N, C-alpha and C. Protein backbone atom coordinates (compact mmCIF):
# COMPACT_ATOMS: atom_id res chain seq x y z
N MET A 1 83.49 134.77 111.13
CA MET A 1 84.00 135.06 111.97
C MET A 1 85.12 134.83 112.00
N PRO A 2 85.57 136.40 112.99
CA PRO A 2 87.24 136.40 112.94
C PRO A 2 88.11 135.19 113.31
N THR A 3 89.31 135.49 113.13
CA THR A 3 90.03 134.54 113.98
C THR A 3 90.45 135.26 114.96
N LYS A 4 91.08 133.96 115.67
CA LYS A 4 91.66 134.86 116.85
C LYS A 4 93.23 134.41 116.88
N LYS A 5 94.00 135.48 117.64
CA LYS A 5 95.46 135.22 117.68
C LYS A 5 95.79 134.92 118.40
N VAL A 6 96.45 134.08 118.57
CA VAL A 6 97.04 132.97 120.09
C VAL A 6 98.20 133.14 120.92
N LYS A 7 98.54 133.29 121.50
CA LYS A 7 99.99 133.99 122.27
C LYS A 7 99.89 133.21 123.22
N LEU A 8 101.29 132.59 123.84
CA LEU A 8 101.66 131.97 124.75
C LEU A 8 102.89 132.66 125.47
N GLU A 9 102.53 132.64 126.39
CA GLU A 9 104.22 132.97 127.35
C GLU A 9 105.05 131.99 127.11
N ASN A 10 106.35 132.40 127.27
CA ASN A 10 107.43 131.75 127.47
C ASN A 10 108.05 131.85 129.24
N THR A 11 108.86 131.45 129.51
CA THR A 11 109.29 131.75 131.10
C THR A 11 109.93 132.79 131.17
N GLU A 12 110.20 133.77 130.11
CA GLU A 12 111.51 134.91 130.14
C GLU A 12 110.22 135.61 130.11
N GLY A 13 108.78 135.58 129.75
CA GLY A 13 107.52 136.76 130.29
C GLY A 13 107.24 137.02 128.53
N LEU A 14 108.44 136.66 127.75
CA LEU A 14 108.34 137.06 126.10
C LEU A 14 106.38 136.48 125.47
N ILE A 15 105.86 137.17 124.57
CA ILE A 15 104.65 136.86 124.09
C ILE A 15 105.23 136.59 122.72
N ARG A 16 104.68 135.32 122.21
CA ARG A 16 104.84 135.04 121.28
C ARG A 16 103.78 134.23 120.39
N ASN A 17 103.30 134.28 119.36
CA ASN A 17 102.45 133.99 118.50
C ASN A 17 102.65 132.83 117.53
N TRP A 18 102.32 131.74 118.10
CA TRP A 18 103.21 130.38 117.86
C TRP A 18 102.54 130.13 116.04
N LEU A 19 101.56 131.01 115.80
CA LEU A 19 101.09 131.10 114.51
C LEU A 19 101.89 131.45 113.62
N GLU A 20 102.51 132.35 114.26
CA GLU A 20 103.65 133.09 113.16
C GLU A 20 105.45 132.68 112.83
N VAL A 21 104.99 131.08 113.54
CA VAL A 21 106.28 130.48 112.92
C VAL A 21 106.45 129.96 111.58
N PRO A 22 107.60 130.21 111.15
CA PRO A 22 108.02 130.16 109.90
C PRO A 22 107.36 128.47 109.57
N LYS A 23 106.67 128.21 107.96
CA LYS A 23 105.60 127.28 108.02
C LYS A 23 107.08 125.79 108.13
N ASP A 24 107.86 126.41 107.54
CA ASP A 24 109.17 125.11 107.18
C ASP A 24 109.82 124.44 108.95
N VAL A 25 109.58 125.50 109.69
CA VAL A 25 110.20 125.06 111.27
C VAL A 25 109.07 124.26 111.77
N THR A 26 107.83 124.58 111.49
CA THR A 26 106.21 124.22 111.76
C THR A 26 106.53 122.34 110.92
N SER A 27 106.49 122.14 109.88
CA SER A 27 106.83 121.02 109.38
C SER A 27 108.07 119.97 110.15
N ASN A 28 109.17 120.65 110.47
CA ASN A 28 110.02 119.98 111.21
C ASN A 28 109.85 119.49 111.96
N ILE A 29 108.59 120.61 112.93
CA ILE A 29 108.48 120.28 114.38
C ILE A 29 107.01 118.93 114.29
N LEU A 30 106.47 119.23 113.34
CA LEU A 30 105.47 117.91 112.71
C LEU A 30 106.14 116.63 112.43
N ARG A 31 107.32 116.87 111.52
CA ARG A 31 107.57 115.38 111.17
C ARG A 31 107.98 114.45 112.46
N LEU A 32 108.58 114.95 113.81
CA LEU A 32 108.66 114.68 115.05
C LEU A 32 107.94 113.73 115.65
N ILE A 33 106.46 114.06 115.44
CA ILE A 33 105.71 113.50 116.42
C ILE A 33 105.07 112.00 115.84
N GLY A 34 105.12 111.94 114.56
CA GLY A 34 104.78 110.51 114.25
C GLY A 34 103.53 110.43 113.09
N ALA A 35 103.15 109.24 112.81
CA ALA A 35 102.47 109.17 111.83
C ALA A 35 100.73 109.21 112.56
N VAL A 36 101.12 108.88 113.69
CA VAL A 36 99.82 108.39 114.49
C VAL A 36 98.89 109.85 115.04
N ASP A 37 100.11 110.45 115.63
CA ASP A 37 99.61 111.80 115.84
C ASP A 37 99.56 112.60 114.94
N LEU A 38 100.00 112.59 113.54
CA LEU A 38 99.63 113.38 112.48
C LEU A 38 98.25 113.48 112.10
N VAL A 39 98.05 112.11 111.79
CA VAL A 39 96.60 111.90 111.68
C VAL A 39 95.62 112.25 112.47
N MET A 40 95.55 111.77 113.41
CA MET A 40 94.64 111.90 114.72
C MET A 40 94.60 113.41 115.69
N ASN A 41 95.53 113.69 115.58
CA ASN A 41 95.70 115.02 116.29
C ASN A 41 95.86 116.54 115.31
N ALA A 42 96.72 116.34 114.69
CA ALA A 42 97.73 117.53 114.49
C ALA A 42 97.49 118.32 113.23
N ARG A 43 96.51 117.32 112.23
CA ARG A 43 96.06 117.75 110.60
C ARG A 43 94.56 118.83 111.14
N GLN A 44 94.30 118.61 112.72
CA GLN A 44 92.72 119.02 112.80
C GLN A 44 93.00 120.20 113.77
N VAL A 45 94.56 120.81 114.01
CA VAL A 45 94.89 122.01 115.02
C VAL A 45 94.20 123.19 114.30
N CYS A 46 94.79 123.45 113.29
CA CYS A 46 94.65 124.70 112.63
C CYS A 46 94.45 124.21 111.33
N PRO A 47 94.10 125.50 109.90
CA PRO A 47 94.48 125.43 109.26
C PRO A 47 95.84 125.22 108.36
N MET A 48 96.92 125.80 108.84
CA MET A 48 98.35 125.60 108.51
C MET A 48 98.23 124.28 109.16
N TRP A 49 98.33 123.85 109.84
CA TRP A 49 98.42 122.53 110.27
C TRP A 49 97.92 121.43 109.29
N ARG A 50 96.79 121.70 108.86
CA ARG A 50 96.28 120.98 108.00
C ARG A 50 96.88 120.92 106.41
N GLU A 51 97.17 122.22 105.97
CA GLU A 51 97.71 122.06 105.02
C GLU A 51 99.36 121.13 105.08
N ILE A 52 99.99 121.75 106.00
CA ILE A 52 100.99 121.16 106.23
C ILE A 52 101.29 119.31 106.31
N CYS A 53 100.14 119.41 106.73
CA CYS A 53 99.84 117.59 106.72
C CYS A 53 99.40 116.91 105.60
N ARG A 54 99.33 117.58 104.46
CA ARG A 54 98.61 117.40 103.32
C ARG A 54 99.81 117.26 102.17
N ASP A 55 100.95 117.94 102.73
CA ASP A 55 102.00 117.99 102.25
C ASP A 55 102.55 116.40 101.66
N PRO A 56 102.65 115.73 100.60
CA PRO A 56 103.28 114.33 100.56
C PRO A 56 104.63 114.30 100.90
N LEU A 57 105.20 114.99 100.83
CA LEU A 57 107.18 114.82 101.59
C LEU A 57 106.66 114.83 103.32
N MET A 58 105.75 115.00 103.81
CA MET A 58 105.52 115.07 105.11
C MET A 58 105.14 113.64 105.72
N TRP A 59 104.96 112.35 104.45
CA TRP A 59 104.96 111.28 104.80
C TRP A 59 106.15 109.81 104.55
N ARG A 60 107.16 111.04 103.98
CA ARG A 60 108.33 110.11 103.73
C ARG A 60 108.33 108.83 104.24
N SER A 61 108.46 108.90 105.53
CA SER A 61 108.74 108.22 106.38
C SER A 61 107.51 107.62 107.60
N ILE A 62 107.21 106.37 107.80
CA ILE A 62 106.03 106.50 107.96
C ILE A 62 106.51 105.33 109.47
N GLU A 63 106.22 105.88 110.60
CA GLU A 63 106.53 105.49 111.60
C GLU A 63 105.40 104.80 112.81
N MET A 64 105.09 103.99 112.68
CA MET A 64 104.03 103.61 113.63
C MET A 64 104.38 102.02 114.41
N ILE A 65 104.50 102.36 115.70
CA ILE A 65 104.90 101.29 116.33
C ILE A 65 104.04 101.80 117.93
N ASN A 66 103.11 102.62 117.76
CA ASN A 66 102.20 102.74 118.83
C ASN A 66 101.10 101.93 119.21
N GLY A 67 101.19 100.96 120.00
CA GLY A 67 100.17 100.40 120.79
C GLY A 67 98.79 100.58 121.50
N LEU A 68 98.78 101.98 121.41
CA LEU A 68 97.61 102.84 122.41
C LEU A 68 96.63 102.48 121.40
N HIS A 69 96.77 102.49 120.01
CA HIS A 69 95.13 102.41 119.18
C HIS A 69 94.80 101.00 119.56
N SER A 70 93.55 101.03 118.66
CA SER A 70 93.38 99.17 118.29
C SER A 70 93.70 98.99 117.24
N PRO A 71 93.91 98.17 116.57
CA PRO A 71 94.83 97.44 115.35
C PRO A 71 93.98 98.00 114.04
N HIS A 72 92.90 97.97 114.74
CA HIS A 72 91.78 98.65 113.41
C HIS A 72 92.58 99.95 113.06
N ASN A 73 91.98 100.80 113.83
CA ASN A 73 92.20 101.90 113.37
C ASN A 73 93.63 102.31 112.90
N LEU A 74 95.15 101.61 113.58
CA LEU A 74 96.19 101.47 112.86
C LEU A 74 96.32 101.58 111.60
N GLU A 75 95.76 100.39 111.41
CA GLU A 75 95.25 100.04 109.51
C GLU A 75 94.84 100.70 109.28
N LYS A 76 93.53 101.79 109.58
CA LYS A 76 93.06 102.62 108.51
C LYS A 76 94.52 104.17 108.49
N ILE A 77 94.91 104.41 109.56
CA ILE A 77 95.55 105.52 110.06
C ILE A 77 97.34 105.15 108.97
N CYS A 78 97.95 104.00 108.92
CA CYS A 78 98.61 103.76 107.85
C CYS A 78 98.13 103.55 106.31
N MET A 79 96.88 103.49 105.85
CA MET A 79 96.68 103.18 104.87
C MET A 79 96.51 105.02 104.35
N TYR A 80 96.11 105.76 105.49
CA TYR A 80 95.31 106.93 105.29
C TYR A 80 97.00 107.93 104.83
N ALA A 81 97.87 107.44 106.02
CA ALA A 81 99.50 107.99 105.50
C ALA A 81 99.79 107.82 104.30
N VAL A 82 99.81 106.87 103.85
CA VAL A 82 100.09 106.01 102.10
C VAL A 82 99.42 106.47 101.74
N ASP A 83 98.25 107.10 101.50
CA ASP A 83 97.95 107.87 100.46
C ASP A 83 98.32 109.24 100.41
N GLN A 84 98.13 109.90 101.82
CA GLN A 84 98.66 111.17 101.47
C GLN A 84 100.57 111.13 100.96
N GLY A 85 101.26 110.33 101.00
CA GLY A 85 102.56 109.92 100.67
C GLY A 85 103.21 109.83 99.28
N GLY A 86 101.71 108.94 98.68
CA GLY A 86 101.86 108.78 97.42
C GLY A 86 103.30 108.04 97.09
N ASP A 87 103.49 108.41 95.90
CA ASP A 87 105.13 108.30 95.33
C ASP A 87 105.66 108.51 96.58
N HIS A 88 106.12 109.41 97.12
CA HIS A 88 107.25 110.16 97.99
C HIS A 88 107.19 109.42 99.45
N VAL A 89 106.23 108.39 99.74
CA VAL A 89 106.86 107.12 101.22
C VAL A 89 107.88 106.36 100.55
N GLU A 90 109.34 106.23 101.73
CA GLU A 90 110.31 105.85 101.35
C GLU A 90 110.15 104.52 102.15
N GLU A 91 109.33 104.86 103.57
CA GLU A 91 109.69 103.59 104.63
C GLU A 91 108.40 103.58 105.44
N ILE A 92 107.97 102.33 106.14
CA ILE A 92 106.76 102.20 106.85
C ILE A 92 108.02 101.10 107.94
N ASN A 93 107.20 101.61 109.30
CA ASN A 93 107.52 101.18 110.23
C ASN A 93 106.04 100.61 110.58
N VAL A 94 105.67 99.43 110.98
CA VAL A 94 104.30 99.12 111.27
C VAL A 94 104.55 98.00 112.13
N GLU A 95 104.86 97.97 113.39
CA GLU A 95 105.43 97.09 114.55
C GLU A 95 104.06 97.08 115.34
N TYR A 96 104.06 95.78 115.72
CA TYR A 96 102.67 95.35 116.39
C TYR A 96 101.63 95.21 116.17
N PHE A 97 101.39 95.72 114.87
CA PHE A 97 99.89 95.44 114.82
C PHE A 97 99.63 95.28 113.15
N VAL A 98 100.39 94.89 112.10
CA VAL A 98 100.96 94.40 110.84
C VAL A 98 99.96 93.04 111.04
N THR A 99 99.24 92.96 109.60
CA THR A 99 98.33 91.95 109.49
C THR A 99 98.87 91.47 108.11
N ASP A 100 98.17 90.18 107.75
CA ASP A 100 98.77 89.80 106.10
C ASP A 100 97.58 90.51 104.92
N GLU A 101 96.40 90.80 105.69
CA GLU A 101 95.74 91.91 104.83
C GLU A 101 96.48 93.55 104.43
N LEU A 102 96.80 94.31 105.66
CA LEU A 102 97.82 95.22 105.40
C LEU A 102 98.72 95.27 104.67
N ILE A 103 100.02 93.84 104.94
CA ILE A 103 101.08 93.95 103.83
C ILE A 103 100.65 93.85 102.53
N ARG A 104 99.56 93.23 102.27
CA ARG A 104 99.19 92.75 101.02
C ARG A 104 98.64 94.49 100.26
N ARG A 105 97.81 94.90 101.30
CA ARG A 105 97.32 96.23 100.46
C ARG A 105 98.59 97.23 100.63
N LEU A 106 99.44 97.49 101.23
CA LEU A 106 100.70 98.19 101.16
C LEU A 106 101.13 97.94 100.03
N ALA A 107 101.44 96.48 99.68
CA ALA A 107 102.44 96.27 98.22
C ALA A 107 101.81 96.56 96.86
N GLU A 108 100.49 96.68 97.29
CA GLU A 108 99.99 97.40 95.91
C GLU A 108 99.53 98.54 95.79
N ARG A 109 99.85 99.04 97.11
CA ARG A 109 99.76 100.76 96.92
C ARG A 109 101.41 101.15 95.83
């Protein structure tokens, strides 16, 4: 199946192909959306975003203060993020859903 080039129009009428944005710029943008959206949404957008989300450096800081998801899912997302970051994880913020079991599992990693 051939790939489609997605083009979006901005307010000046210029057409941009967002798939041509440099990978490092896309990485910087994706770092701003947080761990929950990286796991639940961004990595499913396209192969390039999936590849960026697999980079352990994307997971140096894991910010998870979103209360919109069930605690069970947040724990799974947190552990996925920690697994993706491996030795590169420097800080984790798990407000509003942390459990003793999650702390134990994080400490083991």
